[in-house]
PDB file of N, CA and C in Angstrom:
ATOM      1  N   MET A   1      50.527 -17.778  17.843  1.00  0.00           N
ATOM      2  CA  MET A   1      50.530 -17.299  16.482  1.00  0.00           C
ATOM      3  C   MET A   1      51.575 -18.020  15.659  1.00  0.00           C
ATOM      4  N   LYS A   2      51.325 -19.191  15.325  1.00  0.00           N
ATOM      5  CA  LYS A   2      52.294 -19.981  14.572  1.00  0.00           C
ATOM      6  C   LYS A   2      52.366 -19.516  13.133  1.00  0.00           C
ATOM      7  N   ASN A   3      53.571 -19.437  12.645  1.00  0.00           N
ATOM      8  CA  ASN A   3      53.825 -19.144  11.252  1.00  0.00           C
ATOM      9  C   ASN A   3      53.556 -20.419  10.463  1.00  0.00           C
ATOM     10  N   SER A   4      53.143 -20.288   9.231  1.00  0.00           N
ATOM     11  CA  SER A   4      52.859 -21.491   8.437  1.00  0.00           C
ATOM     12  C   SER A   4      54.059 -21.845   7.571  1.00  0.00           C
ATOM     13  N   GLY A   5      55.163 -22.204   8.218  1.00  0.00           N
ATOM     14  CA  GLY A   5      56.380 -22.548   7.504  1.00  0.00           C
ATOM     15  C   GLY A   5      56.437 -24.018   7.177  1.00  0.00           C
ATOM     16  N   SER A   6      57.615 -24.469   6.765  1.00  0.00           N
ATOM     17  CA  SER A   6      57.784 -25.878   6.437  1.00  0.00           C
ATOM     18  C   SER A   6      57.784 -26.721   7.697  1.00  0.00           C
ATOM     19  N   ARG A   7      57.705 -28.018   7.508  1.00  0.00           N
ATOM     20  CA  ARG A   7      57.667 -28.936   8.647  1.00  0.00           C
ATOM     21  C   ARG A   7      58.911 -28.786   9.517  1.00  0.00           C
ATOM     22  N   THR A   8      60.076 -28.671   8.916  1.00  0.00           N
ATOM     23  CA  THR A   8      61.297 -28.566   9.704  1.00  0.00           C
ATOM     24  C   THR A   8      61.414 -27.203  10.375  1.00  0.00           C
ATOM     25  N   SER A   9      60.937 -26.149   9.742  1.00  0.00           N
ATOM     26  CA  SER A   9      61.043 -24.825  10.355  1.00  0.00           C
ATOM     27  C   SER A   9      60.053 -24.646  11.493  1.00  0.00           C
ATOM     28  N   SER A  10      59.045 -25.507  11.569  1.00  0.00           N
ATOM     29  CA  SER A  10      58.063 -25.400  12.641  1.00  0.00           C
ATOM     30  C   SER A  10      58.333 -26.389  13.774  1.00  0.00           C
ATOM     31  N   LEU A  11      59.394 -27.185  13.650  1.00  0.00           N
ATOM     32  CA  LEU A  11      59.748 -28.165  14.671  1.00  0.00           C
ATOM     33  C   LEU A  11      60.471 -27.470  15.821  1.00  0.00           C
ATOM     34  N   GLY A  12      59.936 -27.599  17.031  1.00  0.00           N
ATOM     35  CA  GLY A  12      60.550 -26.980  18.199  1.00  0.00           C
ATOM     36  C   GLY A  12      61.799 -27.730  18.620  1.00  0.00           C
ATOM     37  N   VAL A  13      62.946 -27.091  18.468  1.00  0.00           N
ATOM     38  CA  VAL A  13      64.210 -27.761  18.783  1.00  0.00           C
ATOM     39  C   VAL A  13      65.075 -26.978  19.777  1.00  0.00           C
ATOM     40  N   TYR A  14      64.816 -25.682  19.943  1.00  0.00           N
ATOM     41  CA  TYR A  14      65.667 -24.850  20.786  1.00  0.00           C
ATOM     42  C   TYR A  14      65.046 -24.662  22.163  1.00  0.00           C
ATOM     43  N   GLY A  15      65.853 -24.864  23.194  1.00  0.00           N
ATOM     44  CA  GLY A  15      65.418 -24.518  24.537  1.00  0.00           C
ATOM     45  C   GLY A  15      65.374 -23.006  24.676  1.00  0.00           C
ATOM     46  N   ILE A  16      64.801 -22.530  25.759  1.00  0.00           N
ATOM     47  CA  ILE A  16      64.605 -21.094  25.920  1.00  0.00           C
ATOM     48  C   ILE A  16      65.923 -20.322  25.979  1.00  0.00           C
ATOM     49  N   THR A  17      66.946 -20.897  26.590  1.00  0.00           N
ATOM     50  CA  THR A  17      68.232 -20.208  26.698  1.00  0.00           C
ATOM     51  C   THR A  17      68.860 -20.015  25.323  1.00  0.00           C
ATOM     52  N   VAL A  18      68.874 -21.067  24.526  1.00  0.00           N
ATOM     53  CA  VAL A  18      69.442 -20.991  23.178  1.00  0.00           C
ATOM     54  C   VAL A  18      68.609 -20.062  22.303  1.00  0.00           C
ATOM     55  N   ALA A  19      67.290 -20.178  22.377  1.00  0.00           N
ATOM     56  CA  ALA A  19      66.412 -19.324  21.570  1.00  0.00           C
ATOM     57  C   ALA A  19      66.648 -17.856  21.900  1.00  0.00           C
ATOM     58  N   ALA A  20      66.740 -17.541  23.182  1.00  0.00           N
ATOM     59  CA  ALA A  20      66.972 -16.153  23.596  1.00  0.00           C
ATOM     60  C   ALA A  20      68.301 -15.635  23.046  1.00  0.00           C
ATOM     61  N   GLU A  21      69.326 -16.459  23.102  1.00  0.00           N
ATOM     62  CA  GLU A  21      70.633 -16.061  22.575  1.00  0.00           C
ATOM     63  C   GLU A  21      70.577 -15.855  21.062  1.00  0.00           C
ATOM     64  N   LEU A  22      69.877 -16.725  20.358  1.00  0.00           N
ATOM     65  CA  LEU A  22      69.823 -16.635  18.893  1.00  0.00           C
ATOM     66  C   LEU A  22      69.143 -15.360  18.408  1.00  0.00           C
ATOM     67  N   VAL A  23      68.160 -14.866  19.153  1.00  0.00           N
ATOM     68  CA  VAL A  23      67.442 -13.659  18.715  1.00  0.00           C
ATOM     69  C   VAL A  23      67.856 -12.409  19.479  1.00  0.00           C
ATOM     70  N   GLY A  24      68.703 -12.567  20.490  1.00  0.00           N
ATOM     71  CA  GLY A  24      69.234 -11.411  21.203  1.00  0.00           C
ATOM     72  C   GLY A  24      68.273 -10.771  22.192  1.00  0.00           C
ATOM     73  N   VAL A  25      67.424 -11.587  22.808  1.00  0.00           N
ATOM     74  CA  VAL A  25      66.538 -11.083  23.860  1.00  0.00           C
ATOM     75  C   VAL A  25      66.707 -11.959  25.092  1.00  0.00           C
ATOM     76  N   GLY A  26      66.149 -11.518  26.204  1.00  0.00           N
ATOM     77  CA  GLY A  26      66.224 -12.301  27.426  1.00  0.00           C
ATOM     78  C   GLY A  26      65.163 -13.389  27.476  1.00  0.00           C
ATOM     79  N   GLU A  27      65.397 -14.361  28.322  1.00  0.00           N
ATOM     80  CA  GLU A  27      64.435 -15.449  28.498  1.00  0.00           C
ATOM     81  C   GLU A  27      63.095 -14.913  28.991  1.00  0.00           C
ATOM     82  N   GLN A  28      63.124 -13.927  29.888  1.00  0.00           N
ATOM     83  CA  GLN A  28      61.881 -13.336  30.389  1.00  0.00           C
ATOM     84  C   GLN A  28      61.097 -12.661  29.269  1.00  0.00           C
ATOM     85  N   THR A  29      61.803 -12.111  28.298  1.00  0.00           N
ATOM     86  CA  THR A  29      61.134 -11.479  27.158  1.00  0.00           C
ATOM     87  C   THR A  29      60.377 -12.528  26.355  1.00  0.00           C
ATOM     88  N   LEU A  30      60.988 -13.688  26.130  1.00  0.00           N
ATOM     89  CA  LEU A  30      60.297 -14.758  25.416  1.00  0.00           C
ATOM     90  C   LEU A  30      59.060 -15.213  26.181  1.00  0.00           C
ATOM     91  N   ARG A  31      59.179 -15.310  27.498  1.00  0.00           N
ATOM     92  CA  ARG A  31      58.023 -15.697  28.309  1.00  0.00           C
ATOM     93  C   ARG A  31      56.921 -14.639  28.220  1.00  0.00           C
ATOM     94  N   LEU A  32      57.303 -13.370  28.229  1.00  0.00           N
ATOM     95  CA  LEU A  32      56.337 -12.276  28.095  1.00  0.00           C
ATOM     96  C   LEU A  32      55.621 -12.363  26.750  1.00  0.00           C
ATOM     97  N   TYR A  33      56.367 -12.567  25.675  1.00  0.00           N
ATOM     98  CA  TYR A  33      55.748 -12.674  24.355  1.00  0.00           C
ATOM     99  C   TYR A  33      54.759 -13.831  24.300  1.00  0.00           C
ATOM    100  N   GLU A  34      55.079 -14.916  24.991  1.00  0.00           N
ATOM    101  CA  GLU A  34      54.145 -16.037  25.034  1.00  0.00           C
ATOM    102  C   GLU A  34      52.881 -15.645  25.808  1.00  0.00           C
ATOM    103  N   ARG A  35      53.050 -15.007  26.962  1.00  0.00           N
ATOM    104  CA  ARG A  35      51.884 -14.580  27.762  1.00  0.00           C
ATOM    105  C   ARG A  35      50.992 -13.613  26.989  1.00  0.00           C
ATOM    106  N   LYS A  36      51.597 -12.785  26.148  1.00  0.00           N
ATOM    107  CA  LYS A  36      50.844 -11.804  25.369  1.00  0.00           C
ATOM    108  C   LYS A  36      50.238 -12.398  24.097  1.00  0.00           C
ATOM    109  N   GLY A  37      50.468 -13.686  23.861  1.00  0.00           N
ATOM    110  CA  GLY A  37      49.877 -14.343  22.706  1.00  0.00           C
ATOM    111  C   GLY A  37      50.631 -14.160  21.406  1.00  0.00           C
ATOM    112  N   LEU A  38      51.885 -13.739  21.488  1.00  0.00           N
ATOM    113  CA  LEU A  38      52.684 -13.525  20.281  1.00  0.00           C
ATOM    114  C   LEU A  38      53.393 -14.793  19.831  1.00  0.00           C
ATOM    115  N   LEU A  39      53.635 -15.696  20.755  1.00  0.00           N
ATOM    116  CA  LEU A  39      54.350 -16.946  20.480  1.00  0.00           C
ATOM    117  C   LEU A  39      53.599 -18.113  21.091  1.00  0.00           C
ATOM    118  N   GLU A  40      53.742 -19.260  20.460  1.00  0.00           N
ATOM    119  CA  GLU A  40      53.207 -20.503  21.008  1.00  0.00           C
ATOM    120  C   GLU A  40      54.252 -21.596  20.833  1.00  0.00           C
ATOM    121  N   PRO A  41      55.323 -21.547  21.640  1.00  0.00           N
ATOM    122  CA  PRO A  41      56.341 -22.585  21.483  1.00  0.00           C
ATOM    123  C   PRO A  41      55.751 -23.955  21.824  1.00  0.00           C
ATOM    124  N   SER A  42      56.296 -24.970  21.195  1.00  0.00           N
ATOM    125  CA  SER A  42      55.853 -26.324  21.535  1.00  0.00           C
ATOM    126  C   SER A  42      56.380 -26.653  22.927  1.00  0.00           C
ATOM    127  N   ARG A  43      55.873 -27.731  23.483  1.00  0.00           N
ATOM    128  CA  ARG A  43      56.288 -28.161  24.824  1.00  0.00           C
ATOM    129  C   ARG A  43      56.643 -29.642  24.796  1.00  0.00           C
ATOM    130  N   THR A  44      57.627 -29.989  25.593  1.00  0.00           N
ATOM    131  CA  THR A  44      57.955 -31.403  25.764  1.00  0.00           C
ATOM    132  C   THR A  44      56.902 -32.019  26.677  1.00  0.00           C
ATOM    133  N   ALA A  45      56.948 -33.327  26.832  1.00  0.00           N
ATOM    134  CA  ALA A  45      56.015 -34.013  27.732  1.00  0.00           C
ATOM    135  C   ALA A  45      56.134 -33.465  29.154  1.00  0.00           C
ATOM    136  N   GLY A  46      57.313 -33.002  29.517  1.00  0.00           N
ATOM    137  CA  GLY A  46      57.539 -32.442  30.842  1.00  0.00           C
ATOM    138  C   GLY A  46      57.214 -30.970  30.961  1.00  0.00           C
ATOM    139  N   GLY A  47      56.779 -30.345  29.857  1.00  0.00           N
ATOM    140  CA  GLY A  47      56.385 -28.941  29.889  1.00  0.00           C
ATOM    141  C   GLY A  47      57.460 -27.940  29.505  1.00  0.00           C
ATOM    142  N   THR A  48      58.639 -28.428  29.110  1.00  0.00           N
ATOM    143  CA  THR A  48      59.716 -27.523  28.713  1.00  0.00           C
ATOM    144  C   THR A  48      59.410 -26.906  27.356  1.00  0.00           C
ATOM    145  N   ARG A  49      59.593 -25.587  27.259  1.00  0.00           N
ATOM    146  CA  ARG A  49      59.370 -24.893  25.990  1.00  0.00           C
ATOM    147  C   ARG A  49      60.416 -25.308  24.967  1.00  0.00           C
ATOM    148  N   ARG A  50      59.970 -25.473  23.722  1.00  0.00           N
ATOM    149  CA  ARG A  50      60.866 -25.755  22.602  1.00  0.00           C
ATOM    150  C   ARG A  50      60.502 -24.798  21.473  1.00  0.00           C
ATOM    151  N   TYR A  51      61.463 -23.972  21.089  1.00  0.00           N
ATOM    152  CA  TYR A  51      61.240 -22.958  20.065  1.00  0.00           C
ATOM    153  C   TYR A  51      61.713 -23.464  18.709  1.00  0.00           C
ATOM    154  N   SER A  52      60.946 -23.141  17.686  1.00  0.00           N
ATOM    155  CA  SER A  52      61.272 -23.527  16.318  1.00  0.00           C
ATOM    156  C   SER A  52      61.899 -22.339  15.585  1.00  0.00           C
ATOM    157  N   ASP A  53      62.390 -22.602  14.385  1.00  0.00           N
ATOM    158  CA  ASP A  53      62.885 -21.510  13.546  1.00  0.00           C
ATOM    159  C   ASP A  53      61.756 -20.529  13.232  1.00  0.00           C
ATOM    160  N   ASP A  54      60.542 -21.033  13.037  1.00  0.00           N
ATOM    161  CA  ASP A  54      59.391 -20.147  12.820  1.00  0.00           C
ATOM    162  C   ASP A  54      59.165 -19.239  14.027  1.00  0.00           C
ATOM    163  N   ASP A  55      59.269 -19.800  15.226  1.00  0.00           N
ATOM    164  CA  ASP A  55      59.111 -18.997  16.441  1.00  0.00           C
ATOM    165  C   ASP A  55      60.166 -17.895  16.500  1.00  0.00           C
ATOM    166  N   LEU A  56      61.399 -18.236  16.155  1.00  0.00           N
ATOM    167  CA  LEU A  56      62.477 -17.245  16.180  1.00  0.00           C
ATOM    168  C   LEU A  56      62.230 -16.148  15.161  1.00  0.00           C
ATOM    169  N   GLN A  57      61.667 -16.513  14.015  1.00  0.00           N
ATOM    170  CA  GLN A  57      61.336 -15.511  13.004  1.00  0.00           C
ATOM    171  C   GLN A  57      60.258 -14.560  13.523  1.00  0.00           C
ATOM    172  N   ILE A  58      59.296 -15.092  14.247  1.00  0.00           N
ATOM    173  CA  ILE A  58      58.255 -14.250  14.839  1.00  0.00           C
ATOM    174  C   ILE A  58      58.881 -13.274  15.831  1.00  0.00           C
ATOM    175  N   VAL A  59      59.801 -13.752  16.663  1.00  0.00           N
ATOM    176  CA  VAL A  59      60.455 -12.867  17.633  1.00  0.00           C
ATOM    177  C   VAL A  59      61.203 -11.753  16.901  1.00  0.00           C
ATOM    178  N   ARG A  60      61.884 -12.101  15.823  1.00  0.00           N
ATOM    179  CA  ARG A  60      62.592 -11.065  15.045  1.00  0.00           C
ATOM    180  C   ARG A  60      61.608 -10.041  14.488  1.00  0.00           C
ATOM    181  N   ARG A  61      60.433 -10.491  14.046  1.00  0.00           N
ATOM    182  CA  ARG A  61      59.405  -9.570  13.533  1.00  0.00           C
ATOM    183  C   ARG A  61      58.871  -8.689  14.667  1.00  0.00           C
ATOM    184  N   VAL A  62      58.681  -9.273  15.845  1.00  0.00           N
ATOM    185  CA  VAL A  62      58.235  -8.500  17.006  1.00  0.00           C
ATOM    186  C   VAL A  62      59.244  -7.398  17.315  1.00  0.00           C
ATOM    187  N   ILE A  63      60.520  -7.735  17.297  1.00  0.00           N
ATOM    188  CA  ILE A  63      61.570  -6.747  17.561  1.00  0.00           C
ATOM    189  C   ILE A  63      61.507  -5.614  16.540  1.00  0.00           C
ATOM    190  N   GLU A  64      61.339  -5.950  15.261  1.00  0.00           N
ATOM    191  CA  GLU A  64      61.215  -4.928  14.213  1.00  0.00           C
ATOM    192  C   GLU A  64      60.049  -3.985  14.500  1.00  0.00           C
ATOM    193  N   LEU A  65      58.920  -4.558  14.849  1.00  0.00           N
ATOM    194  CA  LEU A  65      57.729  -3.754  15.096  1.00  0.00           C
ATOM    195  C   LEU A  65      57.883  -2.907  16.356  1.00  0.00           C
ATOM    196  N   LEU A  66      58.514  -3.450  17.386  1.00  0.00           N
ATOM    197  CA  LEU A  66      58.781  -2.654  18.586  1.00  0.00           C
ATOM    198  C   LEU A  66      59.668  -1.455  18.254  1.00  0.00           C
ATOM    199  N   GLU A  67      60.688  -1.702  17.435  1.00  0.00           N
ATOM    200  CA  GLU A  67      61.589  -0.617  17.041  1.00  0.00           C
ATOM    201  C   GLU A  67      60.874   0.441  16.211  1.00  0.00           C
ATOM    202  N   ALA A  68      59.793   0.037  15.536  1.00  0.00           N
ATOM    203  CA  ALA A  68      58.996   0.983  14.743  1.00  0.00           C
ATOM    204  C   ALA A  68      57.973   1.719  15.614  1.00  0.00           C
ATOM    205  N   GLY A  69      57.909   1.365  16.898  1.00  0.00           N
ATOM    206  CA  GLY A  69      57.031   2.071  17.820  1.00  0.00           C
ATOM    207  C   GLY A  69      55.680   1.428  18.065  1.00  0.00           C
ATOM    208  N   VAL A  70      55.498   0.191  17.623  1.00  0.00           N
ATOM    209  CA  VAL A  70      54.224  -0.501  17.818  1.00  0.00           C
ATOM    210  C   VAL A  70      54.260  -1.193  19.184  1.00  0.00           C
ATOM    211  N   ASN A  71      53.155  -1.090  19.943  1.00  0.00           N
ATOM    212  CA  ASN A  71      53.115  -1.765  21.242  1.00  0.00           C
ATOM    213  C   ASN A  71      52.751  -3.239  21.066  1.00  0.00           C
ATOM    214  N   LEU A  72      52.830  -4.015  22.149  1.00  0.00           N
ATOM    215  CA  LEU A  72      52.635  -5.465  22.046  1.00  0.00           C
ATOM    216  C   LEU A  72      51.224  -5.849  21.605  1.00  0.00           C
ATOM    217  N   VAL A  73      50.221  -5.106  22.034  1.00  0.00           N
ATOM    218  CA  VAL A  73      48.851  -5.394  21.589  1.00  0.00           C
ATOM    219  C   VAL A  73      48.744  -5.162  20.088  1.00  0.00           C
ATOM    220  N   GLY A  74      49.306  -4.059  19.611  1.00  0.00           N
ATOM    221  CA  GLY A  74      49.305  -3.772  18.180  1.00  0.00           C
ATOM    222  C   GLY A  74      50.083  -4.815  17.400  1.00  0.00           C
ATOM    223  N   ILE A  75      51.187  -5.271  17.968  1.00  0.00           N
ATOM    224  CA  ILE A  75      52.001  -6.288  17.304  1.00  0.00           C
ATOM    225  C   ILE A  75      51.205  -7.578  17.141  1.00  0.00           C
ATOM    226  N   ARG A  76      50.441  -7.955  18.173  1.00  0.00           N
ATOM    227  CA  ARG A  76      49.627  -9.166  18.062  1.00  0.00           C
ATOM    228  C   ARG A  76      48.654  -9.039  16.888  1.00  0.00           C
ATOM    229  N   HIS A  77      48.047  -7.871  16.739  1.00  0.00           N
ATOM    230  CA  HIS A  77      47.121  -7.660  15.620  1.00  0.00           C
ATOM    231  C   HIS A  77      47.854  -7.705  14.274  1.00  0.00           C
ATOM    232  N   VAL A  78      49.020  -7.087  14.208  1.00  0.00           N
ATOM    233  CA  VAL A  78      49.803  -7.108  12.965  1.00  0.00           C
ATOM    234  C   VAL A  78      50.154  -8.547  12.590  1.00  0.00           C
ATOM    235  N   LEU A  79      50.625  -9.325  13.563  1.00  0.00           N
ATOM    236  CA  LEU A  79      50.991 -10.717  13.284  1.00  0.00           C
ATOM    237  C   LEU A  79      49.786 -11.526  12.819  1.00  0.00           C
ATOM    238  N   GLU A  80      48.634 -11.310  13.455  1.00  0.00           N
ATOM    239  CA  GLU A  80      47.417 -12.014  13.039  1.00  0.00           C
ATOM    240  C   GLU A  80      47.038 -11.644  11.609  1.00  0.00           C
ATOM    241  N   LEU A  81      47.111 -10.359  11.285  1.00  0.00           N
ATOM    242  CA  LEU A  81      46.774  -9.912   9.926  1.00  0.00           C
ATOM    243  C   LEU A  81      47.769 -10.445   8.900  1.00  0.00           C
ATOM    244  N   GLU A  82      49.043 -10.488   9.255  1.00  0.00           N
ATOM    245  CA  GLU A  82      50.044 -11.027   8.334  1.00  0.00           C
ATOM    246  C   GLU A  82      49.800 -12.513   8.078  1.00  0.00           C
ATOM    247  N   THR A  83      49.453 -13.246   9.118  1.00  0.00           N
ATOM    248  CA  THR A  83      49.144 -14.670   8.955  1.00  0.00           C
ATOM    249  C   THR A  83      47.913 -14.859   8.083  1.00  0.00           C
ATOM    250  N   GLU A  84      46.878 -14.083   8.359  1.00  0.00           N
ATOM    251  CA  GLU A  84      45.655 -14.167   7.553  1.00  0.00           C
ATOM    252  C   GLU A  84      45.936 -13.826   6.095  1.00  0.00           C
ATOM    253  N   ASN A  85      46.750 -12.821   5.865  1.00  0.00           N
ATOM    254  CA  ASN A  85      47.108 -12.418   4.508  1.00  0.00           C
ATOM    255  C   ASN A  85      47.852 -13.539   3.776  1.00  0.00           C
ATOM    256  N   ARG A  86      48.801 -14.198   4.481  1.00  0.00           N
ATOM    257  CA  ARG A  86      49.531 -15.324   3.878  1.00  0.00           C
ATOM    258  C   ARG A  86      48.575 -16.437   3.482  1.00  0.00           C
ATOM    259  N   LEU A  87      47.627 -16.750   4.371  1.00  0.00           N
ATOM    260  CA  LEU A  87      46.665 -17.821   4.087  1.00  0.00           C
ATOM    261  C   LEU A  87      45.771 -17.462   2.901  1.00  0.00           C
ATOM    262  N   LEU A  88      45.318 -16.217   2.857  1.00  0.00           N
ATOM    263  CA  LEU A  88      44.478 -15.783   1.734  1.00  0.00           C
ATOM    264  C   LEU A  88      45.244 -15.807   0.415  1.00  0.00           C
ATOM    265  N   ARG A  89      46.505 -15.384   0.441  1.00  0.00           N
ATOM    266  CA  ARG A  89      47.326 -15.422  -0.775  1.00  0.00           C
ATOM    267  C   ARG A  89      47.539 -16.858  -1.248  1.00  0.00           C
ATOM    268  N   ALA A  90      47.765 -17.767  -0.304  1.00  0.00           N
ATOM    269  CA  ALA A  90      47.949 -19.181  -0.659  1.00  0.00           C
ATOM    270  C   ALA A  90      46.667 -19.730  -1.282  1.00  0.00           C
ATOM    271  N   GLU A  91      45.527 -19.366  -0.725  1.00  0.00           N
ATOM    272  CA  GLU A  91      44.238 -19.811  -1.277  1.00  0.00           C
ATOM    273  C   GLU A  91      44.026 -19.226  -2.668  1.00  0.00           C
ATOM    274  N   LEU A  92      44.355 -17.963  -2.846  1.00  0.00           N
ATOM    275  CA  LEU A  92      44.225 -17.321  -4.157  1.00  0.00           C
ATOM    276  C   LEU A  92      45.130 -17.993  -5.172  1.00  0.00           C
ATOM    277  N   ASP A  93      46.363 -18.288  -4.773  1.00  0.00           N
ATOM    278  CA  ASP A  93      47.301 -18.976  -5.673  1.00  0.00           C
ATOM    279  C   ASP A  93      46.756 -20.351  -6.057  1.00  0.00           C
ATOM    280  N   ARG A  94      46.160 -21.021  -5.106  1.00  0.00           N
ATOM    281  CA  ARG A  94      45.610 -22.358  -5.345  1.00  0.00           C
ATOM    282  C   ARG A  94      44.433 -22.283  -6.329  1.00  0.00           C
ATOM    283  N   LEU A  95      43.643 -21.230  -6.250  1.00  0.00           N
ATOM    284  CA  LEU A  95      42.464 -21.099  -7.107  1.00  0.00           C
ATOM    285  C   LEU A  95      42.759 -20.487  -8.476  1.00  0.00           C
ATOM    286  N   SER A  96      43.906 -19.835  -8.587  1.00  0.00           N
ATOM    287  CA  SER A  96      44.259 -19.191  -9.853  1.00  0.00           C
ATOM    288  C   SER A  96      44.700 -20.233 -10.878  1.00  0.00           C
ATOM    289  N   PRO A  97      44.263 -20.046 -12.145  1.00  0.00           N
ATOM    290  CA  PRO A  97      44.631 -21.011 -13.198  1.00  0.00           C
ATOM    291  C   PRO A  97      46.106 -20.958 -13.553  1.00  0.00           C
TER     292      PRO A  97
END
């Protein structure tokens, strides 16, 4: 579920240890979020995960939703709807005079 941010915010630069520290979760939690389809970190040629600022923002949103009582399946749907809404708003802005 990639966020549609700027080119630099979508560039995977953080390894899993640094990413986990930046958002305050464990490395296993990041792996779980990926398995559940909440994150799609980029990978190096060797397969190492690289997290972007957009990925970290998604993790922060997941944490917010968890604290509000939403389960991971529900969070995936919320993130998908938020992404779809952003795309529709961008299209509407593009079509508006």
